[in-house]
Amino acid sequence: MMPLTMAKEGEVNYIKRIGGKEDTKRFLESLGFVVGGEVIVISANGGNVIVNIKESRVGISSSMANRIMV
């Protein structure tokens, strides 16, 4: 397992765990980040990450991406 910030661009990953406080988990879940979900990193710039999840592109900060384990 590794944080989403360490995933390679264009590689398909599956979410294994989401850390953080309950409200943070709920926020990420509302964006489509659920355990078992498929996520593809489109680009990483300055730690911030743009991903493809559930056929949508979502940008998240590096602190949020570090809570998502793939």
N, C-alpha and C. Protein backbone atom coordinates (compact mmCIF):
# COMPACT_ATOMS: atom_id res chain seq x y z
N MET A 1 0.83 -1.19 0.00
CA MET A 1 0.00 0.00 0.00
C MET A 1 0.88 1.25 0.00
N MET A 2 0.41 2.27 -0.71
CA MET A 2 1.13 3.54 -0.77
C MET A 2 0.11 4.66 -0.90
N PRO A 3 0.48 5.90 -0.52
CA PRO A 3 -0.45 7.01 -0.69
C PRO A 3 -0.65 7.34 -2.17
N LEU A 4 -1.76 7.91 -2.49
CA LEU A 4 -2.10 8.25 -3.88
C LEU A 4 -1.05 9.18 -4.49
N THR A 5 -0.41 10.00 -3.68
CA THR A 5 0.61 10.92 -4.21
C THR A 5 1.81 10.20 -4.81
N MET A 6 2.01 8.93 -4.45
CA MET A 6 3.14 8.16 -4.97
C MET A 6 2.78 7.30 -6.18
N ALA A 7 1.51 7.28 -6.56
CA ALA A 7 1.08 6.48 -7.71
C ALA A 7 1.60 7.10 -9.00
N LYS A 8 1.91 6.24 -9.97
CA LYS A 8 2.41 6.71 -11.26
C LYS A 8 1.25 7.23 -12.11
N GLU A 9 1.56 8.23 -12.93
CA GLU A 9 0.55 8.80 -13.83
C GLU A 9 0.14 7.78 -14.88
N GLY A 10 -1.17 7.67 -15.13
CA GLY A 10 -1.70 6.77 -16.14
C GLY A 10 -1.89 5.35 -15.68
N GLU A 11 -1.46 5.02 -14.49
CA GLU A 11 -1.57 3.66 -13.97
C GLU A 11 -2.88 3.49 -13.21
N VAL A 12 -3.56 2.36 -13.44
CA VAL A 12 -4.81 2.07 -12.74
C VAL A 12 -4.50 1.56 -11.34
N ASN A 13 -5.11 2.19 -10.34
CA ASN A 13 -4.94 1.78 -8.94
C ASN A 13 -6.32 1.58 -8.32
N TYR A 14 -6.35 0.82 -7.25
CA TYR A 14 -7.60 0.59 -6.52
C TYR A 14 -7.43 1.09 -5.10
N ILE A 15 -8.41 1.81 -4.61
CA ILE A 15 -8.36 2.38 -3.27
C ILE A 15 -8.50 1.26 -2.24
N LYS A 16 -7.55 1.21 -1.32
CA LYS A 16 -7.55 0.16 -0.29
C LYS A 16 -7.99 0.69 1.06
N ARG A 17 -7.68 1.98 1.33
CA ARG A 17 -8.03 2.55 2.63
C ARG A 17 -8.06 4.06 2.52
N ILE A 18 -8.95 4.68 3.29
CA ILE A 18 -9.01 6.13 3.36
C ILE A 18 -8.87 6.52 4.82
N GLY A 19 -7.86 7.32 5.11
CA GLY A 19 -7.59 7.74 6.48
C GLY A 19 -8.14 9.13 6.75
N GLY A 20 -7.95 9.59 7.98
CA GLY A 20 -8.37 10.93 8.36
C GLY A 20 -9.61 10.91 9.22
N LYS A 21 -10.07 12.12 9.55
CA LYS A 21 -11.26 12.27 10.38
C LYS A 21 -12.50 11.86 9.60
N GLU A 22 -13.57 11.64 10.33
CA GLU A 22 -14.82 11.16 9.72
C GLU A 22 -15.36 12.14 8.67
N ASP A 23 -15.29 13.44 8.94
CA ASP A 23 -15.80 14.42 7.97
C ASP A 23 -14.94 14.44 6.71
N THR A 24 -13.64 14.20 6.85
CA THR A 24 -12.74 14.12 5.69
C THR A 24 -13.09 12.90 4.85
N LYS A 25 -13.32 11.79 5.51
CA LYS A 25 -13.70 10.56 4.80
C LYS A 25 -15.00 10.76 4.04
N ARG A 26 -15.98 11.40 4.68
CA ARG A 26 -17.27 11.65 4.02
C ARG A 26 -17.11 12.55 2.81
N PHE A 27 -16.26 13.59 2.93
CA PHE A 27 -16.02 14.50 1.82
C PHE A 27 -15.41 13.75 0.63
N LEU A 28 -14.38 12.94 0.90
CA LEU A 28 -13.74 12.17 -0.17
C LEU A 28 -14.72 11.17 -0.78
N GLU A 29 -15.57 10.57 0.05
CA GLU A 29 -16.57 9.63 -0.44
C GLU A 29 -17.56 10.34 -1.37
N SER A 30 -17.92 11.57 -1.05
CA SER A 30 -18.85 12.32 -1.90
C SER A 30 -18.24 12.63 -3.27
N LEU A 31 -16.90 12.68 -3.33
CA LEU A 31 -16.22 12.89 -4.61
C LEU A 31 -16.04 11.60 -5.40
N GLY A 32 -16.35 10.46 -4.76
CA GLY A 32 -16.23 9.17 -5.45
C GLY A 32 -15.11 8.30 -4.95
N PHE A 33 -14.35 8.77 -3.96
CA PHE A 33 -13.24 7.99 -3.42
C PHE A 33 -13.78 7.00 -2.39
N VAL A 34 -14.03 5.78 -2.83
CA VAL A 34 -14.53 4.73 -1.94
C VAL A 34 -13.60 3.52 -2.02
N VAL A 35 -13.53 2.76 -0.92
CA VAL A 35 -12.66 1.58 -0.87
C VAL A 35 -13.08 0.61 -1.98
N GLY A 36 -12.10 0.15 -2.75
CA GLY A 36 -12.36 -0.75 -3.87
C GLY A 36 -12.55 -0.01 -5.18
N GLY A 37 -12.67 1.30 -5.13
CA GLY A 37 -12.88 2.10 -6.34
C GLY A 37 -11.60 2.23 -7.16
N GLU A 38 -11.78 2.35 -8.46
CA GLU A 38 -10.65 2.48 -9.38
C GLU A 38 -10.30 3.96 -9.52
N VAL A 39 -9.01 4.26 -9.46
CA VAL A 39 -8.55 5.64 -9.58
C VAL A 39 -7.30 5.67 -10.47
N ILE A 40 -7.26 6.65 -11.38
CA ILE A 40 -6.12 6.81 -12.29
C ILE A 40 -5.58 8.23 -12.11
N VAL A 41 -4.29 8.35 -11.81
CA VAL A 41 -3.67 9.66 -11.68
C VAL A 41 -3.43 10.22 -13.07
N ILE A 42 -3.98 11.39 -13.35
CA ILE A 42 -3.80 12.06 -14.64
C ILE A 42 -2.53 12.90 -14.60
N SER A 43 -2.39 13.70 -13.55
CA SER A 43 -1.17 14.49 -13.39
C SER A 43 -0.98 14.87 -11.93
N ALA A 44 0.28 15.10 -11.58
CA ALA A 44 0.64 15.55 -10.25
C ALA A 44 1.52 16.77 -10.42
N ASN A 45 1.13 17.88 -9.80
CA ASN A 45 1.86 19.13 -9.95
C ASN A 45 2.02 19.78 -8.59
N GLY A 46 3.25 19.85 -8.11
CA GLY A 46 3.50 20.47 -6.82
C GLY A 46 2.83 19.74 -5.67
N GLY A 47 2.63 18.45 -5.84
CA GLY A 47 1.98 17.67 -4.80
C GLY A 47 0.49 17.54 -5.00
N ASN A 48 -0.13 18.50 -5.66
CA ASN A 48 -1.56 18.41 -5.96
C ASN A 48 -1.77 17.39 -7.06
N VAL A 49 -2.90 16.69 -7.01
CA VAL A 49 -3.13 15.56 -7.90
C VAL A 49 -4.45 15.71 -8.64
N ILE A 50 -4.43 15.44 -9.93
CA ILE A 50 -5.66 15.37 -10.73
C ILE A 50 -5.86 13.91 -11.08
N VAL A 51 -7.04 13.38 -10.75
CA VAL A 51 -7.31 11.96 -10.97
C VAL A 51 -8.59 11.76 -11.76
N ASN A 52 -8.68 10.61 -12.39
CA ASN A 52 -9.91 10.14 -13.03
C ASN A 52 -10.56 9.17 -12.05
N ILE A 53 -11.78 9.46 -11.63
CA ILE A 53 -12.48 8.56 -10.73
C ILE A 53 -13.95 8.59 -11.12
N LYS A 54 -14.52 7.41 -11.29
CA LYS A 54 -15.94 7.27 -11.69
C LYS A 54 -16.25 8.15 -12.90
N GLU A 55 -15.41 8.08 -13.91
CA GLU A 55 -15.58 8.79 -15.18
C GLU A 55 -15.63 10.31 -15.02
N SER A 56 -14.99 10.83 -13.97
CA SER A 56 -14.89 12.27 -13.76
C SER A 56 -13.44 12.61 -13.43
N ARG A 57 -13.06 13.85 -13.71
CA ARG A 57 -11.74 14.32 -13.30
C ARG A 57 -11.91 15.16 -12.05
N VAL A 58 -11.08 14.85 -11.05
CA VAL A 58 -11.16 15.55 -9.78
C VAL A 58 -9.76 15.98 -9.38
N GLY A 59 -9.62 17.21 -8.92
CA GLY A 59 -8.35 17.70 -8.41
C GLY A 59 -8.40 17.75 -6.89
N ILE A 60 -7.37 17.19 -6.24
CA ILE A 60 -7.31 17.22 -4.78
C ILE A 60 -5.92 17.65 -4.33
N SER A 61 -5.85 18.20 -3.14
CA SER A 61 -4.58 18.66 -2.59
C SER A 61 -3.70 17.47 -2.19
N SER A 62 -2.44 17.75 -2.00
CA SER A 62 -1.52 16.67 -1.61
C SER A 62 -1.87 16.14 -0.23
N SER A 63 -2.35 16.98 0.68
CA SER A 63 -2.71 16.49 2.02
C SER A 63 -3.89 15.52 1.95
N MET A 64 -4.85 15.78 1.07
CA MET A 64 -5.99 14.86 0.88
C MET A 64 -5.51 13.59 0.20
N ALA A 65 -4.66 13.73 -0.82
CA ALA A 65 -4.17 12.57 -1.57
C ALA A 65 -3.34 11.64 -0.68
N ASN A 66 -2.66 12.21 0.30
CA ASN A 66 -1.86 11.37 1.22
C ASN A 66 -2.73 10.52 2.13
N ARG A 67 -3.98 10.87 2.29
CA ARG A 67 -4.89 10.08 3.13
C ARG A 67 -5.50 8.90 2.37
N ILE A 68 -5.36 8.91 1.05
CA ILE A 68 -5.93 7.84 0.22
C ILE A 68 -4.85 6.82 -0.09
N MET A 69 -5.02 5.61 0.40
CA MET A 69 -4.03 4.55 0.19
C MET A 69 -4.48 3.65 -0.95
N VAL A 70 -3.54 3.39 -1.88
CA VAL A 70 -3.84 2.53 -3.03
C VAL A 70 -2.88 1.36 -3.04
